[in-house]
Amino acid sequence: GEAFPLTMRDAMHVAIIGAGADATVLNAEGANANVFSFFDVGGLEVRGVTITGANPRSTTSGLDGGGVQILDCSKVEIVDCTIASNAVNSTINSVYGGGISLRRAIGVVQNCQITDNATTNTLNNGTSYGMGISVGKTSDVLIYRCVVAGNRDRRTNYSRGGGIFKHPFAKLTVRNSLIVGNEPLPSIDGSRGEGGGIHCADPSYGGEK
C-alpha cells in the first residue's frame, strides 16, 4: 500500500495518470497526512484519480492542503479528478485548503469535483481559509468546469471562503463551474464566517499564504 503523503519535490514533468476517478482511488484514511504534497515541480499533471481520506494534523504549525498541497509549482493541471472528504487540522496558526492548497502556483483545475472537504482550527482566534480550495499568494489559477460543493469549516473562530479562498495577491479565474452549499462556520463571537462560495481577501489581509 501507499505511504502518505505522496511527496514530490524539485522535479520536472511529473504526471500521475489514473484510470478514472471511479477506478483509481488514493485514500489516506488513518494516515493523518496529505494525499499529495508537491514542491518546486515544473510541469505537474494529476489526472483521473480520486483523492480522499486525508486528515493532516498539527500542534506546532499551520497547515496547507488536506488532499493536495502544491507549493512553488508551474504548469499545474489537475483534471478529471474527485477531491472529496479530506480535512486539514491545526491547534495553532492558520490552515488553508481542506481539499486543495495552491501557493505560488500557476495552473488549472478542470472537470473536477471538490466536495465535502473541511478545515478545523481550534486555536483561540484561529483562522481557516478555503474549505474547498485555497488560492494563495502570487498564484494564477483557472478553475474550469468544476463542482465545488458541500465544503465546510468544522471548528474555527474566523473562517473565510467555504468554497474557495483567494489571496489578494493571487489571480483567480472561475469559468463554467458550480459553487454551491459551502459553509464557513459562524464565529464563536457571534459574527459570521465570510464568503460561503468565494472569499476574495481584502488587500489589507497580511497573510503570507
Protein backbone atom coordinates (compact mmCIF):
# COMPACT_ATOMS: atom_id res chain seq x y z
CA GLY A 1 0.00 0.00 0.00
CA GLU A 2 0.93 3.67 -0.29
CA ALA A 3 2.72 5.60 2.44
CA PHE A 4 1.18 9.05 2.72
CA PRO A 5 1.83 11.79 1.96
CA LEU A 6 2.99 11.01 -1.57
CA THR A 7 5.63 13.73 -1.95
CA MET A 8 7.48 15.07 -4.97
CA ARG A 9 9.97 17.93 -4.90
CA ASP A 10 12.48 19.62 -7.20
CA ALA A 11 11.29 17.80 -10.32
CA MET A 12 10.19 18.45 -13.90
CA HIS A 13 7.35 16.95 -15.94
CA VAL A 14 5.58 14.87 -13.32
CA ALA A 15 2.42 13.05 -14.46
CA ILE A 16 0.11 10.99 -12.26
CA ILE A 17 -2.49 9.44 -14.56
CA GLY A 18 -5.27 7.25 -13.19
CA ALA A 19 -7.80 5.06 -14.94
CA GLY A 20 -10.58 7.47 -14.00
CA ALA A 21 -11.81 8.88 -10.71
CA ASP A 22 -14.15 5.89 -10.18
CA ALA A 23 -11.38 3.37 -10.79
CA THR A 24 -8.27 4.90 -9.21
CA VAL A 25 -8.73 5.90 -5.58
CA LEU A 26 -5.97 7.22 -3.33
CA ASN A 27 -7.28 7.02 0.23
CA ALA A 28 -5.14 8.35 3.09
CA GLU A 29 -7.62 7.44 5.81
CA GLY A 30 -5.85 6.77 9.10
CA ALA A 31 -2.52 8.23 7.96
CA ASN A 32 -3.02 11.73 9.44
CA ALA A 33 -1.36 13.09 6.31
CA ASN A 34 -1.98 14.76 2.96
CA VAL A 35 -2.53 12.52 -0.04
CA PHE A 36 -0.17 14.56 -2.27
CA SER A 37 2.47 17.18 -1.49
CA PHE A 38 4.26 18.82 -4.44
CA PHE A 39 7.11 21.29 -4.01
CA ASP A 40 9.02 23.04 -6.81
CA VAL A 41 7.64 20.94 -9.64
CA GLY A 42 7.64 22.35 -13.16
CA GLY A 43 5.03 20.66 -15.32
CA LEU A 44 2.68 18.79 -12.97
CA GLU A 45 -0.29 16.75 -14.20
CA VAL A 46 -2.71 14.86 -11.95
CA ARG A 47 -5.50 13.25 -13.96
CA GLY A 48 -8.29 10.74 -13.46
CA VAL A 49 -7.97 9.93 -9.75
CA THR A 50 -9.97 10.25 -6.55
CA ILE A 51 -8.14 11.87 -3.65
CA THR A 52 -9.79 11.22 -0.31
CA GLY A 53 -9.33 10.47 3.38
CA ALA A 54 -6.54 12.99 4.03
CA ASN A 55 -6.52 14.36 7.57
CA PRO A 56 -3.18 16.05 8.38
CA ARG A 57 -2.97 17.40 11.92
CA SER A 58 -0.51 19.71 13.63
CA THR A 59 0.00 21.07 17.14
CA THR A 60 3.14 23.02 16.20
CA SER A 61 2.37 24.92 12.98
CA GLY A 62 -0.27 25.87 10.46
CA LEU A 63 -1.03 23.53 7.58
CA ASP A 64 -1.77 23.69 3.85
CA GLY A 65 -3.85 21.40 1.70
CA GLY A 66 -5.73 18.45 3.11
CA GLY A 67 -5.98 16.42 -0.09
CA VAL A 68 -3.39 18.17 -2.26
CA GLN A 69 -0.65 20.60 -1.21
CA ILE A 70 1.01 22.49 -4.09
CA LEU A 71 3.82 24.98 -3.45
CA ASP A 72 6.08 26.74 -5.95
CA CYS A 73 4.82 24.71 -8.91
CA SER A 74 4.20 25.79 -12.51
CA LYS A 75 2.15 24.41 -15.41
CA VAL A 76 -0.11 22.59 -12.96
CA GLU A 77 -3.02 20.58 -14.40
CA ILE A 78 -5.48 18.84 -12.11
CA VAL A 79 -8.02 17.30 -14.48
CA ASP A 80 -10.94 14.84 -14.21
CA CYS A 81 -10.36 14.26 -10.50
CA THR A 82 -12.57 13.87 -7.45
CA ILE A 83 -11.15 15.53 -4.35
CA ALA A 84 -13.56 14.66 -1.58
CA SER A 85 -13.81 14.10 2.17
CA ASN A 86 -10.40 15.47 3.06
CA ALA A 87 -9.60 17.73 6.02
CA VAL A 88 -6.81 19.86 7.43
CA ASN A 89 -6.50 20.48 11.17
CA SER A 90 -4.34 22.59 13.45
CA THR A 91 -4.33 23.80 17.02
CA ILE A 92 -2.00 26.71 16.18
CA ASN A 93 -1.63 29.23 13.35
CA SER A 94 -3.81 29.15 10.23
CA VAL A 95 -4.99 26.34 7.97
CA TYR A 96 -5.53 26.58 4.21
CA GLY A 97 -7.37 24.42 1.71
CA GLY A 98 -9.26 21.43 3.05
CA GLY A 99 -9.31 19.95 -0.46
CA ILE A 100 -6.51 21.74 -2.33
CA SER A 101 -3.98 24.42 -1.41
CA LEU A 102 -2.15 26.17 -4.27
CA ARG A 103 0.52 28.63 -3.14
CA ARG A 104 2.88 30.38 -5.55
CA ALA A 105 1.41 28.07 -8.20
CA ILE A 106 0.31 28.54 -11.80
CA GLY A 107 -2.17 26.20 -13.43
CA VAL A 108 -5.68 24.90 -13.96
CA VAL A 109 -8.19 22.76 -12.06
CA GLN A 110 -10.55 21.35 -14.69
CA ASN A 111 -13.52 18.96 -14.73
CA CYS A 112 -13.06 18.19 -11.05
CA GLN A 113 -15.41 17.51 -8.15
CA ILE A 114 -14.18 19.24 -4.99
CA THR A 115 -16.72 18.18 -2.38
CA ASP A 116 -17.21 17.61 1.34
CA ASN A 117 -13.75 18.78 2.41
CA ALA A 118 -13.19 20.53 5.73
CA THR A 119 -10.94 22.72 7.84
CA THR A 120 -10.53 22.88 11.62
CA ASN A 121 -8.52 25.30 13.73
CA THR A 122 -9.02 25.06 17.49
CA LEU A 123 -6.65 27.92 18.40
CA ASN A 124 -8.40 30.82 20.13
CA ASN A 125 -8.81 33.45 17.40
CA GLY A 126 -7.53 30.88 14.89
CA THR A 127 -8.31 31.19 11.18
CA SER A 128 -9.18 28.82 8.36
CA TYR A 129 -9.08 29.76 4.67
CA GLY A 130 -10.67 27.88 1.79
CA MET A 131 -12.55 24.83 2.98
CA GLY A 132 -12.57 23.52 -0.60
CA ILE A 133 -9.71 25.33 -2.36
CA SER A 134 -7.18 27.92 -1.19
CA VAL A 135 -5.52 30.02 -3.91
CA GLY A 136 -2.52 31.54 -2.18
CA LYS A 137 -0.15 34.42 -2.64
CA THR A 138 1.15 35.09 -6.22
CA SER A 139 -0.76 32.11 -7.64
CA ASP A 140 -2.52 32.28 -11.02
CA VAL A 141 -5.24 29.63 -11.15
CA LEU A 142 -8.11 28.82 -13.54
CA ILE A 143 -11.00 26.75 -12.17
CA TYR A 144 -12.92 25.44 -15.18
CA ARG A 145 -15.98 23.19 -15.37
CA CYS A 146 -15.70 22.14 -11.73
CA VAL A 147 -18.17 21.47 -8.94
CA VAL A 148 -17.18 22.95 -5.57
CA ALA A 149 -19.85 21.84 -3.13
CA GLY A 150 -20.51 20.85 0.46
CA ASN A 151 -17.17 22.06 1.83
CA ARG A 152 -17.29 23.47 5.36
CA ASP A 153 -15.43 24.52 8.43
CA ARG A 154 -15.83 22.30 11.45
CA ARG A 155 -14.49 24.49 14.24
CA THR A 156 -12.68 27.77 13.73
CA ASN A 157 -13.16 31.20 15.24
CA TYR A 158 -12.63 33.01 11.92
CA SER A 159 -13.27 31.03 8.73
CA ARG A 160 -13.06 32.53 5.26
CA GLY A 161 -14.14 31.00 1.95
CA GLY A 162 -16.38 27.98 2.31
CA GLY A 163 -15.81 27.01 -1.31
CA ILE A 164 -12.74 28.99 -2.37
CA PHE A 165 -10.36 31.45 -0.72
CA LYS A 166 -8.37 33.89 -2.87
CA HIS A 167 -5.33 35.77 -1.56
CA PRO A 168 -5.35 39.48 -2.54
CA PHE A 169 -2.11 38.99 -4.46
CA ALA A 170 -3.36 35.98 -6.41
CA LYS A 171 -5.17 35.79 -9.73
CA LEU A 172 -8.22 33.54 -9.81
CA THR A 173 -10.48 32.85 -12.80
CA VAL A 174 -13.61 30.71 -12.41
CA ARG A 175 -15.47 29.63 -15.55
CA ASN A 176 -18.49 27.37 -16.16
CA SER A 177 -18.36 25.99 -12.62
CA LEU A 178 -20.91 25.25 -9.91
CA ILE A 179 -20.13 26.55 -6.42
CA VAL A 180 -22.92 25.64 -4.02
CA GLY A 181 -23.64 24.58 -0.45
CA ASN A 182 -20.29 25.56 1.06
CA GLU A 183 -20.21 26.90 4.60
CA PRO A 184 -17.66 28.78 6.69
CA LEU A 185 -18.56 28.21 10.33
CA PRO A 186 -20.21 31.06 12.26
CA SER A 187 -17.57 32.59 14.51
CA ILE A 188 -17.72 31.92 18.24
CA ASP A 189 -18.04 35.64 18.99
CA GLY A 190 -21.36 35.68 17.14
CA SER A 191 -20.11 37.12 13.86
CA ARG A 192 -20.39 35.07 10.70
CA GLY A 193 -17.73 33.35 8.73
CA GLU A 194 -17.20 35.13 5.44
CA GLY A 195 -17.61 34.03 1.84
CA GLY A 196 -19.81 30.97 1.64
CA GLY A 197 -18.93 30.48 -2.02
CA ILE A 198 -15.78 32.53 -2.64
CA HIS A 199 -13.90 34.85 -0.29
CA CYS A 200 -11.61 37.35 -2.01
CA ALA A 201 -9.43 38.75 0.73
CA ASP A 202 -9.10 42.49 1.15
CA PRO A 203 -5.68 43.96 0.22
CA SER A 204 -5.15 44.70 3.89
CA TYR A 205 -5.01 40.94 4.57
CA GLY A 206 -1.47 40.32 5.76
CA GLY A 207 -1.22 36.56 5.47
CA GLU A 208 1.82 35.11 3.72
CA LYS A 209 -0.23 32.30 2.21
